[in-house]
Amino acid sequence: MSELQGHTDDLKIVGKRYYGRWLSALVVLLCVVAMAHSMINNPRFEWSVIAENFTGASILQGVIMTLQLTAISVILGFAFGTVLALMRLSSNPVLVAVSWAYTWFFRGVPMLVQLFLWYNIAALYPSISLSLPGLGEIWSAQSNALISPFSAAVIALVMHQSAYAAEIVRAGIQSVGNGQLEAARALGYRPAQIFRHTVLPQAMRAIMPPAGNEIIGQLKTTAVVSVISLQDVLFSAQIIYQRTYEVIPLLLVATLWYLLMTSVLSVGQYYVERYFGRGVTRREKRSLLQSLPGLSVSKAERSVSNG
């Protein structure tokens, strides 16, 4: 027995060797290095031109316009989308039908088509007026003066965003179980209190992931406003390369700015999701880098490797 025990003590734990994993990683790494080498050493990329224009005044103006359009359309779009979601969930058949029809229409029509329709609304309504019974017309304005390129872009982006936001919010609200609502009613909560203290905190866990993706997508969608000569990042780059004929470097400037802005939004999305997801899982808190695949090691894996 003692000999068997001594033989067992001499045994060592040998970790499993993942040859396929290392081989595939090596192949992918070689491809990445080859692509990076090609991009850095290809003179046609004109990296000096990219560096010169990356922080140019015109480009920075376009960045500010892109951020403005994104912020306005997201805030107003989700506010209106929340109203549409509540209408869809109400017991009033008229409100349900109107909400469904709005969502159906603005999700079905491409964003670019909506933008052109609002930009050319004067062809349908040359003037916009407000009249009250017994008082007549109390306000009137020419559509061309009222609907500028900026206002047409805002209206199109908000209506497009609100249709998608309505479905995201509706799905989040419906993810809250009926038992939670019954418990809140049993405690004497009023409907507004139930929505604020019971439904909304739990619904946000389901709303935030798709909402974050929708915000990032909306930032990229703002690029369509360049077709109506609104100076966003893309249009600013187009103005410069139409003068200098440096098409590819200026498009890469716009690409890098979009990547930078979406990366910042992605980091914000991660921390907002972690805030609303607290208490759901028992996993230890990790930073953004630790949550990336391959950069975190579980306690079990650490104990085996140290074993």
Protein backbone atom coordinates (compact mmCIF):
# COMPACT_ATOMS: atom_id res chain seq x y z
CA MET A 1 0.00 0.00 0.00
CA SER A 2 2.84 2.34 0.89
CA GLU A 3 4.55 1.52 -2.42
CA LEU A 4 1.32 2.39 -4.29
CA GLN A 5 1.03 5.66 -2.35
CA GLY A 6 4.63 6.57 -3.18
CA HIS A 7 4.05 5.76 -6.83
CA THR A 8 0.98 8.00 -6.85
CA ASP A 9 2.89 10.90 -5.30
CA ASP A 10 5.40 10.77 -8.16
CA LEU A 11 2.69 11.32 -10.77
CA LYS A 12 2.52 14.79 -12.35
CA ILE A 13 -0.47 16.52 -13.86
CA VAL A 14 0.21 17.16 -17.53
CA GLY A 15 -1.95 19.76 -19.21
CA LYS A 16 -3.66 18.91 -22.47
CA ARG A 17 -1.80 20.18 -25.50
CA TYR A 18 -3.95 22.07 -28.01
CA TYR A 19 -1.92 21.74 -31.19
CA GLY A 20 -4.80 22.81 -33.44
CA ARG A 21 -5.40 25.93 -31.39
CA TRP A 22 -1.76 27.00 -31.60
CA LEU A 23 -1.56 26.21 -35.32
CA SER A 24 -4.68 28.20 -36.16
CA ALA A 25 -3.47 31.12 -34.01
CA LEU A 26 -0.13 31.07 -35.83
CA VAL A 27 -1.80 31.11 -39.25
CA VAL A 28 -4.10 33.99 -38.30
CA LEU A 29 -1.21 35.93 -36.72
CA LEU A 30 0.87 35.54 -39.89
CA CYS A 31 -2.03 36.82 -41.98
CA VAL A 32 -2.47 39.84 -39.68
CA VAL A 33 1.25 40.63 -39.79
CA ALA A 34 1.28 40.33 -43.60
CA MET A 35 -1.69 42.68 -43.92
CA ALA A 36 -0.17 45.21 -41.50
CA HIS A 37 3.16 45.09 -43.34
CA SER A 38 1.41 45.63 -46.66
CA MET A 39 -0.60 48.61 -45.36
CA ILE A 40 2.38 50.28 -43.68
CA ASN A 41 4.76 49.89 -46.63
CA ASN A 42 2.28 50.62 -49.42
CA PRO A 43 3.01 54.23 -50.52
CA ARG A 44 -0.47 54.55 -52.05
CA PHE A 45 -2.01 54.72 -48.57
CA GLU A 46 -0.25 58.09 -48.15
CA TRP A 47 -0.11 57.98 -44.36
CA SER A 48 1.43 61.45 -44.26
CA VAL A 49 -1.69 62.87 -45.92
CA ILE A 50 -3.88 60.97 -43.44
CA ALA A 51 -1.92 62.39 -40.48
CA GLU A 52 -2.09 65.89 -41.92
CA ASN A 53 -5.87 65.85 -42.41
CA PHE A 54 -6.89 63.75 -39.39
CA THR A 55 -7.19 66.81 -37.13
CA GLY A 56 -7.96 69.34 -39.85
CA ALA A 57 -10.52 72.04 -39.07
CA SER A 58 -12.98 70.81 -41.68
CA ILE A 59 -12.75 67.20 -40.47
CA LEU A 60 -13.22 68.21 -36.82
CA GLN A 61 -16.27 70.25 -37.84
CA GLY A 62 -17.67 67.14 -39.46
CA VAL A 63 -16.96 65.09 -36.32
CA ILE A 64 -18.93 67.60 -34.22
CA MET A 65 -21.83 67.51 -36.67
CA THR A 66 -21.84 63.67 -36.62
CA LEU A 67 -21.89 63.62 -32.82
CA GLN A 68 -24.67 66.23 -32.72
CA LEU A 69 -26.86 64.28 -35.12
CA THR A 70 -26.22 61.05 -33.20
CA ALA A 71 -27.01 62.57 -29.80
CA ILE A 72 -30.18 64.35 -30.95
CA SER A 73 -31.54 61.38 -32.89
CA VAL A 74 -30.78 58.88 -30.12
CA ILE A 75 -32.26 60.97 -27.29
CA LEU A 76 -35.42 61.98 -29.17
CA GLY A 77 -35.68 58.61 -30.92
CA PHE A 78 -35.63 56.57 -27.72
CA ALA A 79 -37.97 59.04 -25.97
CA PHE A 80 -40.51 58.75 -28.78
CA GLY A 81 -39.80 55.03 -29.09
CA THR A 82 -40.68 54.54 -25.41
CA VAL A 83 -44.03 56.27 -26.01
CA LEU A 84 -44.65 54.03 -29.02
CA ALA A 85 -43.77 50.94 -26.97
CA LEU A 86 -46.23 51.92 -24.22
CA MET A 87 -48.89 52.55 -26.88
CA ARG A 88 -48.23 49.09 -28.34
CA LEU A 89 -48.60 47.47 -24.91
CA SER A 90 -51.78 49.35 -23.98
CA SER A 91 -55.25 47.86 -24.04
CA ASN A 92 -56.51 50.60 -26.38
CA PRO A 93 -56.84 49.08 -29.89
CA VAL A 94 -56.46 52.49 -31.57
CA LEU A 95 -53.14 53.19 -29.84
CA VAL A 96 -51.93 49.67 -30.62
CA ALA A 97 -52.85 50.03 -34.31
CA VAL A 98 -51.20 53.46 -34.67
CA SER A 99 -48.01 52.28 -32.96
CA TRP A 100 -47.85 49.14 -35.10
CA ALA A 101 -48.45 51.10 -38.33
CA TYR A 102 -45.77 53.67 -37.45
CA THR A 103 -43.21 50.98 -36.66
CA TRP A 104 -44.12 49.01 -39.76
CA PHE A 105 -43.73 52.01 -42.06
CA PHE A 106 -40.51 53.54 -40.74
CA ARG A 107 -38.77 50.18 -40.35
CA GLY A 108 -39.78 49.20 -43.87
CA VAL A 109 -38.65 52.36 -45.71
CA PRO A 110 -34.86 52.70 -46.16
CA MET A 111 -33.21 55.52 -44.26
CA LEU A 112 -31.92 57.17 -47.44
CA VAL A 113 -35.42 57.27 -48.95
CA GLN A 114 -36.82 58.85 -45.76
CA LEU A 115 -34.08 61.47 -45.87
CA PHE A 116 -34.88 62.42 -49.48
CA LEU A 117 -38.61 62.58 -48.70
CA TRP A 118 -38.15 65.02 -45.82
CA TYR A 119 -35.59 67.06 -47.73
CA ASN A 120 -38.08 67.48 -50.61
CA ILE A 121 -41.21 67.83 -48.48
CA ALA A 122 -41.86 71.25 -50.05
CA ALA A 123 -42.91 69.47 -53.24
CA LEU A 124 -45.89 68.04 -51.33
CA TYR A 125 -46.51 70.89 -48.88
CA PRO A 126 -45.14 74.24 -50.14
CA SER A 127 -46.21 75.88 -46.91
CA ILE A 128 -46.98 74.61 -43.42
CA SER A 129 -49.65 76.37 -41.39
CA LEU A 130 -51.51 76.00 -38.11
CA SER A 131 -55.21 76.79 -37.94
CA LEU A 132 -57.72 76.71 -35.09
CA PRO A 133 -61.53 76.53 -35.44
CA GLY A 134 -63.01 80.01 -35.13
CA LEU A 135 -59.60 81.72 -35.24
CA GLY A 136 -58.41 80.73 -38.67
CA GLU A 137 -54.75 80.54 -39.54
CA ILE A 138 -52.56 81.57 -36.63
CA TRP A 139 -49.17 80.53 -37.99
CA SER A 140 -47.69 79.82 -41.39
CA ALA A 141 -44.23 79.29 -42.89
CA GLN A 142 -42.70 78.24 -46.19
CA SER A 143 -41.52 74.63 -46.12
CA ASN A 144 -38.23 75.46 -47.83
CA ALA A 145 -37.42 77.98 -45.11
CA LEU A 146 -38.59 75.68 -42.32
CA ILE A 147 -37.02 72.40 -43.45
CA SER A 148 -33.28 73.01 -43.76
CA PRO A 149 -30.82 70.19 -44.53
CA PHE A 150 -30.07 69.89 -40.81
CA SER A 151 -33.73 69.75 -39.74
CA ALA A 152 -34.54 67.27 -42.54
CA ALA A 153 -31.71 65.05 -41.34
CA VAL A 154 -32.83 65.28 -37.71
CA ILE A 155 -36.47 64.45 -38.55
CA ALA A 156 -35.49 61.48 -40.72
CA LEU A 157 -32.99 60.12 -38.19
CA VAL A 158 -35.37 60.53 -35.22
CA MET A 159 -38.29 58.83 -36.96
CA HIS A 160 -36.08 56.03 -38.22
CA GLN A 161 -34.53 55.55 -34.78
CA SER A 162 -37.83 55.71 -32.88
CA ALA A 163 -39.29 52.81 -34.88
CA TYR A 164 -36.41 50.51 -33.89
CA ALA A 165 -36.24 51.89 -30.33
CA ALA A 166 -39.94 51.11 -29.86
CA GLU A 167 -39.35 47.41 -30.51
CA ILE A 168 -36.29 47.33 -28.24
CA VAL A 169 -38.14 48.99 -25.35
CA ARG A 170 -41.24 46.84 -25.88
CA ALA A 171 -39.17 43.65 -25.75
CA GLY A 172 -37.42 44.86 -22.59
CA ILE A 173 -40.69 45.63 -20.83
CA GLN A 174 -42.19 42.28 -21.82
CA SER A 175 -39.13 40.49 -20.40
CA VAL A 176 -40.27 41.40 -16.86
CA GLY A 177 -42.33 38.55 -15.40
CA ASN A 178 -45.97 39.00 -14.40
CA GLY A 179 -45.11 37.85 -10.90
CA GLN A 180 -43.04 41.00 -10.40
CA LEU A 181 -46.00 43.17 -11.39
CA GLU A 182 -48.39 41.28 -9.14
CA ALA A 183 -46.01 41.63 -6.20
CA ALA A 184 -45.74 45.38 -6.80
CA ARG A 185 -49.52 45.73 -6.93
CA ALA A 186 -49.81 43.73 -3.72
CA LEU A 187 -47.51 46.25 -2.04
CA GLY A 188 -49.86 49.05 -3.06
CA TYR A 189 -47.69 50.59 -5.81
CA ARG A 190 -49.43 52.88 -8.28
CA PRO A 191 -48.94 52.20 -12.03
CA ALA A 192 -46.32 54.94 -12.36
CA GLN A 193 -44.43 53.57 -9.34
CA ILE A 194 -44.62 50.03 -10.73
CA PHE A 195 -43.10 51.18 -14.01
CA ARG A 196 -40.37 53.26 -12.35
CA HIS A 197 -39.33 50.99 -9.48
CA THR A 198 -40.19 47.49 -10.73
CA VAL A 199 -40.42 47.33 -14.52
CA LEU A 200 -37.78 49.81 -15.67
CA PRO A 201 -34.78 48.57 -13.60
CA GLN A 202 -35.33 44.99 -14.74
CA ALA A 203 -36.22 45.92 -18.31
CA MET A 204 -32.99 47.90 -18.69
CA ARG A 205 -30.99 44.67 -18.46
CA ALA A 206 -32.70 43.45 -21.62
CA ILE A 207 -32.83 46.87 -23.28
CA MET A 208 -29.21 47.98 -22.93
CA PRO A 209 -27.38 45.43 -25.18
CA PRO A 210 -29.54 46.00 -28.28
CA ALA A 211 -29.88 49.71 -27.45
CA GLY A 212 -26.10 50.07 -27.32
CA ASN A 213 -25.76 48.36 -30.68
CA GLU A 214 -28.51 50.58 -32.07
CA ILE A 215 -26.72 53.75 -30.90
CA ILE A 216 -23.49 52.63 -32.55
CA GLY A 217 -25.41 51.79 -35.71
CA GLN A 218 -27.12 55.20 -35.61
CA LEU A 219 -23.75 56.96 -35.47
CA LYS A 220 -22.76 55.19 -38.68
CA THR A 221 -26.18 55.81 -40.24
CA THR A 222 -25.61 59.57 -39.97
CA ALA A 223 -23.19 59.21 -42.89
CA VAL A 224 -26.19 59.25 -45.27
CA VAL A 225 -26.70 62.97 -44.58
CA SER A 226 -23.73 63.66 -46.86
CA VAL A 227 -26.06 63.17 -49.86
CA ILE A 228 -27.94 66.38 -48.92
CA SER A 229 -24.69 68.32 -48.45
CA LEU A 230 -24.78 68.35 -44.67
CA GLN A 231 -21.19 68.56 -43.44
CA ASP A 232 -20.62 65.42 -41.41
CA VAL A 233 -17.33 63.50 -41.31
CA LEU A 234 -17.85 61.84 -44.69
CA PHE A 235 -18.95 65.01 -46.46
CA SER A 236 -16.00 66.92 -44.98
CA ALA A 237 -13.65 64.28 -46.39
CA GLN A 238 -15.41 64.48 -49.76
CA ILE A 239 -14.99 68.26 -49.91
CA ILE A 240 -11.25 67.91 -49.37
CA TYR A 241 -10.59 65.07 -51.83
CA GLN A 242 -12.67 66.77 -54.54
CA ARG A 243 -10.15 69.60 -54.30
CA THR A 244 -6.94 67.57 -53.83
CA TYR A 245 -7.91 64.29 -55.60
CA GLU A 246 -6.52 62.33 -52.63
CA VAL A 247 -9.57 60.08 -52.45
CA ILE A 248 -8.27 57.05 -50.56
CA PRO A 249 -6.37 58.92 -47.81
CA LEU A 250 -9.37 61.12 -47.04
CA LEU A 251 -11.75 58.14 -46.96
CA LEU A 252 -9.34 56.49 -44.54
CA VAL A 253 -9.45 59.63 -42.36
CA ALA A 254 -13.24 59.29 -42.19
CA THR A 255 -12.85 55.55 -41.50
CA LEU A 256 -10.47 56.14 -38.60
CA TRP A 257 -12.76 58.74 -37.05
CA TYR A 258 -15.76 56.40 -37.27
CA LEU A 259 -13.70 53.62 -35.69
CA LEU A 260 -12.58 55.95 -32.89
CA MET A 261 -16.11 57.16 -32.13
CA THR A 262 -17.66 53.69 -32.22
CA SER A 263 -14.86 52.35 -29.99
CA VAL A 264 -15.58 55.00 -27.36
CA LEU A 265 -19.30 54.16 -27.52
CA SER A 266 -18.48 50.44 -27.18
CA VAL A 267 -16.49 51.09 -24.01
CA GLY A 268 -19.36 53.14 -22.60
CA GLN A 269 -21.82 50.40 -23.54
CA TYR A 270 -19.76 47.82 -21.64
CA TYR A 271 -19.81 49.79 -18.38
CA VAL A 272 -23.49 50.75 -18.68
CA GLU A 273 -24.42 47.10 -19.25
CA ARG A 274 -22.32 46.06 -16.26
CA TYR A 275 -24.07 48.67 -14.10
CA PHE A 276 -27.58 47.52 -14.99
CA GLY A 277 -26.55 43.85 -14.85
CA ARG A 278 -25.23 44.03 -11.28
CA GLY A 279 -26.73 41.42 -9.00
CA VAL A 280 -27.79 39.15 -11.87
CA THR A 281 -24.65 37.01 -11.97
CA ARG A 282 -22.15 36.03 -9.30
CA ARG A 283 -19.12 36.54 -11.46
CA GLU A 284 -16.39 38.69 -10.00
CA LYS A 285 -16.11 42.21 -11.36
CA ARG A 286 -13.68 42.48 -14.23
CA SER A 287 -12.39 45.37 -16.24
CA LEU A 288 -13.02 45.74 -19.95
CA LEU A 289 -9.64 44.23 -20.88
CA GLN A 290 -10.11 41.31 -18.50
CA SER A 291 -13.44 40.48 -20.12
CA LEU A 292 -11.83 39.95 -23.53
CA PRO A 293 -11.37 36.31 -24.62
CA GLY A 294 -7.96 34.93 -23.74
CA LEU A 295 -7.14 37.70 -21.25
CA SER A 296 -8.98 36.25 -18.26
CA VAL A 297 -8.19 33.06 -16.38
CA SER A 298 -10.71 31.42 -14.09
CA LYS A 299 -9.86 30.34 -10.55
CA ALA A 300 -10.10 26.68 -11.53
CA GLU A 301 -7.61 27.14 -14.36
CA ARG A 302 -5.23 29.03 -12.06
CA SER A 303 -5.37 26.27 -9.46
CA VAL A 304 -4.65 23.58 -12.08
CA SER A 305 -1.75 25.53 -13.55
CA ASN A 306 -0.27 26.10 -10.10
CA GLY A 307 -1.01 22.54 -9.05
